[in-house]
Amino acid sequence: MIRYYVYVLKSLKDNKLYIGFTTNLKKRLQEHARGDVKSTENRGYKKLIHYEYFINETDAKAREKFLKSGAGHEQIRQFLKRTLN
């Protein structure tokens, strides 16, 4: 069974959030750490602060899209406010 992950990384350089989608979370985190991901390569290593697991790809992609929206970004910031301080 394929697993789908939506994850949130925090930049250690500027505290910005990055929200992504993958089917292999461990591999994807290694790619971020090595700087192999174009959208995060300039912010240095990212720290995983949250992830969600899905068994349905459509649900996972919908969640990623929502979290990247203004309302979703605010929701994740409220949900993780202690982590982000």
C-alpha atoms as a PDB file:
ATOM      1  CA  MET A   1       0.000   0.000   0.000  1.00  0.00           C
ATOM      2  CA  ILE A   2       1.310   3.434  -0.920  1.00  0.00           C
ATOM      3  CA  ARG A   3       1.437   5.978   1.890  1.00  0.00           C
ATOM      4  CA  TYR A   4       1.033   9.691   1.327  1.00  0.00           C
ATOM      5  CA  TYR A   5       2.466  12.351   3.606  1.00  0.00           C
ATOM      6  CA  VAL A   6       1.877  16.059   3.965  1.00  0.00           C
ATOM      7  CA  TYR A   7       4.649  17.613   5.989  1.00  0.00           C
ATOM      8  CA  VAL A   8       5.650  20.960   7.466  1.00  0.00           C
ATOM      9  CA  LEU A   9       9.255  22.049   7.751  1.00  0.00           C
ATOM     10  CA  LYS A  10      10.580  25.046   9.627  1.00  0.00           C
ATOM     11  CA  SER A  11      13.581  26.881   8.308  1.00  0.00           C
ATOM     12  CA  LEU A  12      16.299  27.181  10.908  1.00  0.00           C
ATOM     13  CA  LYS A  13      17.582  30.254   9.065  1.00  0.00           C
ATOM     14  CA  ASP A  14      14.479  32.460   8.909  1.00  0.00           C
ATOM     15  CA  ASN A  15      11.695  30.474  10.688  1.00  0.00           C
ATOM     16  CA  LYS A  16       9.563  30.306   7.536  1.00  0.00           C
ATOM     17  CA  LEU A  17       7.382  27.267   6.949  1.00  0.00           C
ATOM     18  CA  TYR A  18       7.524  24.924   3.992  1.00  0.00           C
ATOM     19  CA  ILE A  19       4.605  22.591   3.280  1.00  0.00           C
ATOM     20  CA  GLY A  20       5.134  19.596   1.040  1.00  0.00           C
ATOM     21  CA  PHE A  21       3.747  16.280  -0.177  1.00  0.00           C
ATOM     22  CA  THR A  22       5.576  12.980  -0.676  1.00  0.00           C
ATOM     23  CA  THR A  23       5.187   9.222  -0.707  1.00  0.00           C
ATOM     24  CA  ASN A  24       8.567   8.668   0.968  1.00  0.00           C
ATOM     25  CA  LEU A  25       8.994  11.018   3.920  1.00  0.00           C
ATOM     26  CA  LYS A  26      12.439   9.788   4.996  1.00  0.00           C
ATOM     27  CA  LYS A  27      13.890  10.177   1.498  1.00  0.00           C
ATOM     28  CA  ARG A  28      12.300  13.590   1.013  1.00  0.00           C
ATOM     29  CA  LEU A  29      13.685  14.892   4.310  1.00  0.00           C
ATOM     30  CA  GLN A  30      17.155  13.730   3.248  1.00  0.00           C
ATOM     31  CA  GLU A  31      16.744  15.630  -0.033  1.00  0.00           C
ATOM     32  CA  HIS A  32      15.834  18.786   1.886  1.00  0.00           C
ATOM     33  CA  ALA A  33      18.797  18.342   4.228  1.00  0.00           C
ATOM     34  CA  ARG A  34      21.219  17.949   1.310  1.00  0.00           C
ATOM     35  CA  GLY A  35      19.818  21.042  -0.422  1.00  0.00           C
ATOM     36  CA  ASP A  36      18.493  19.001  -3.356  1.00  0.00           C
ATOM     37  CA  VAL A  37      15.046  20.633  -3.262  1.00  0.00           C
ATOM     38  CA  LYS A  38      15.050  23.809  -5.322  1.00  0.00           C
ATOM     39  CA  SER A  39      12.345  25.591  -3.323  1.00  0.00           C
ATOM     40  CA  THR A  40      14.189  25.161  -0.004  1.00  0.00           C
ATOM     41  CA  GLU A  41      17.861  25.019  -0.979  1.00  0.00           C
ATOM     42  CA  ASN A  42      18.602  28.665  -0.062  1.00  0.00           C
ATOM     43  CA  ARG A  43      17.208  28.500   3.464  1.00  0.00           C
ATOM     44  CA  GLY A  44      19.513  25.792   4.711  1.00  0.00           C
ATOM     45  CA  TYR A  45      18.433  22.712   6.578  1.00  0.00           C
ATOM     46  CA  LYS A  46      14.779  22.446   7.474  1.00  0.00           C
ATOM     47  CA  LYS A  47      13.446  20.949  10.674  1.00  0.00           C
ATOM     48  CA  LEU A  48      10.418  18.634  10.441  1.00  0.00           C
ATOM     49  CA  ILE A  49       7.811  19.998  12.857  1.00  0.00           C
ATOM     50  CA  HIS A  50       4.634  18.229  11.697  1.00  0.00           C
ATOM     51  CA  TYR A  51       3.426  15.566   9.299  1.00  0.00           C
ATOM     52  CA  GLU A  52       0.153  13.882   8.427  1.00  0.00           C
ATOM     53  CA  TYR A  53      -0.277  10.416   6.943  1.00  0.00           C
ATOM     54  CA  PHE A  54      -2.937   9.514   4.388  1.00  0.00           C
ATOM     55  CA  ILE A  55      -3.955   6.335   2.606  1.00  0.00           C
ATOM     56  CA  ASN A  56      -5.639   8.289  -0.194  1.00  0.00           C
ATOM     57  CA  GLU A  57      -3.590  10.476  -2.555  1.00  0.00           C
ATOM     58  CA  THR A  58      -6.469  12.815  -3.368  1.00  0.00           C
ATOM     59  CA  ASP A  59      -7.067  13.525   0.328  1.00  0.00           C
ATOM     60  CA  ALA A  60      -3.368  14.170   0.909  1.00  0.00           C
ATOM     61  CA  LYS A  61      -3.061  16.550  -2.036  1.00  0.00           C
ATOM     62  CA  ALA A  62      -6.206  18.393  -0.948  1.00  0.00           C
ATOM     63  CA  ARG A  63      -4.765  18.809   2.550  1.00  0.00           C
ATOM     64  CA  GLU A  64      -1.471  20.098   1.152  1.00  0.00           C
ATOM     65  CA  LYS A  65      -3.324  22.578  -1.057  1.00  0.00           C
ATOM     66  CA  PHE A  66      -5.385  23.801   1.908  1.00  0.00           C
ATOM     67  CA  LEU A  67      -2.346  24.187   4.178  1.00  0.00           C
ATOM     68  CA  LYS A  68      -0.625  26.258   1.485  1.00  0.00           C
ATOM     69  CA  SER A  69      -3.623  28.606   1.315  1.00  0.00           C
ATOM     70  CA  GLY A  70      -3.942  31.654   3.558  1.00  0.00           C
ATOM     71  CA  ALA A  71      -6.508  30.004   5.826  1.00  0.00           C
ATOM     72  CA  GLY A  72      -4.538  26.767   5.976  1.00  0.00           C
ATOM     73  CA  HIS A  73      -1.287  28.561   6.742  1.00  0.00           C
ATOM     74  CA  GLU A  74      -2.989  30.380   9.598  1.00  0.00           C
ATOM     75  CA  GLN A  75      -4.515  27.114  10.853  1.00  0.00           C
ATOM     76  CA  ILE A  76      -1.155  25.352  10.948  1.00  0.00           C
ATOM     77  CA  ARG A  77       0.465  28.347  12.670  1.00  0.00           C
ATOM     78  CA  GLN A  78      -2.254  28.291  15.366  1.00  0.00           C
ATOM     79  CA  PHE A  79      -2.035  24.521  15.719  1.00  0.00           C
ATOM     80  CA  LEU A  80       1.756  24.643  16.119  1.00  0.00           C
ATOM     81  CA  LYS A  81       2.070  27.961  17.943  1.00  0.00           C
ATOM     82  CA  ARG A  82       4.065  26.503  20.852  1.00  0.00           C
ATOM     83  CA  THR A  83       6.402  24.725  18.448  1.00  0.00           C
ATOM     84  CA  LEU A  84       6.944  27.913  16.456  1.00  0.00           C
ATOM     85  CA  ASN A  85       7.902  30.015  19.507  1.00  0.00           C
END
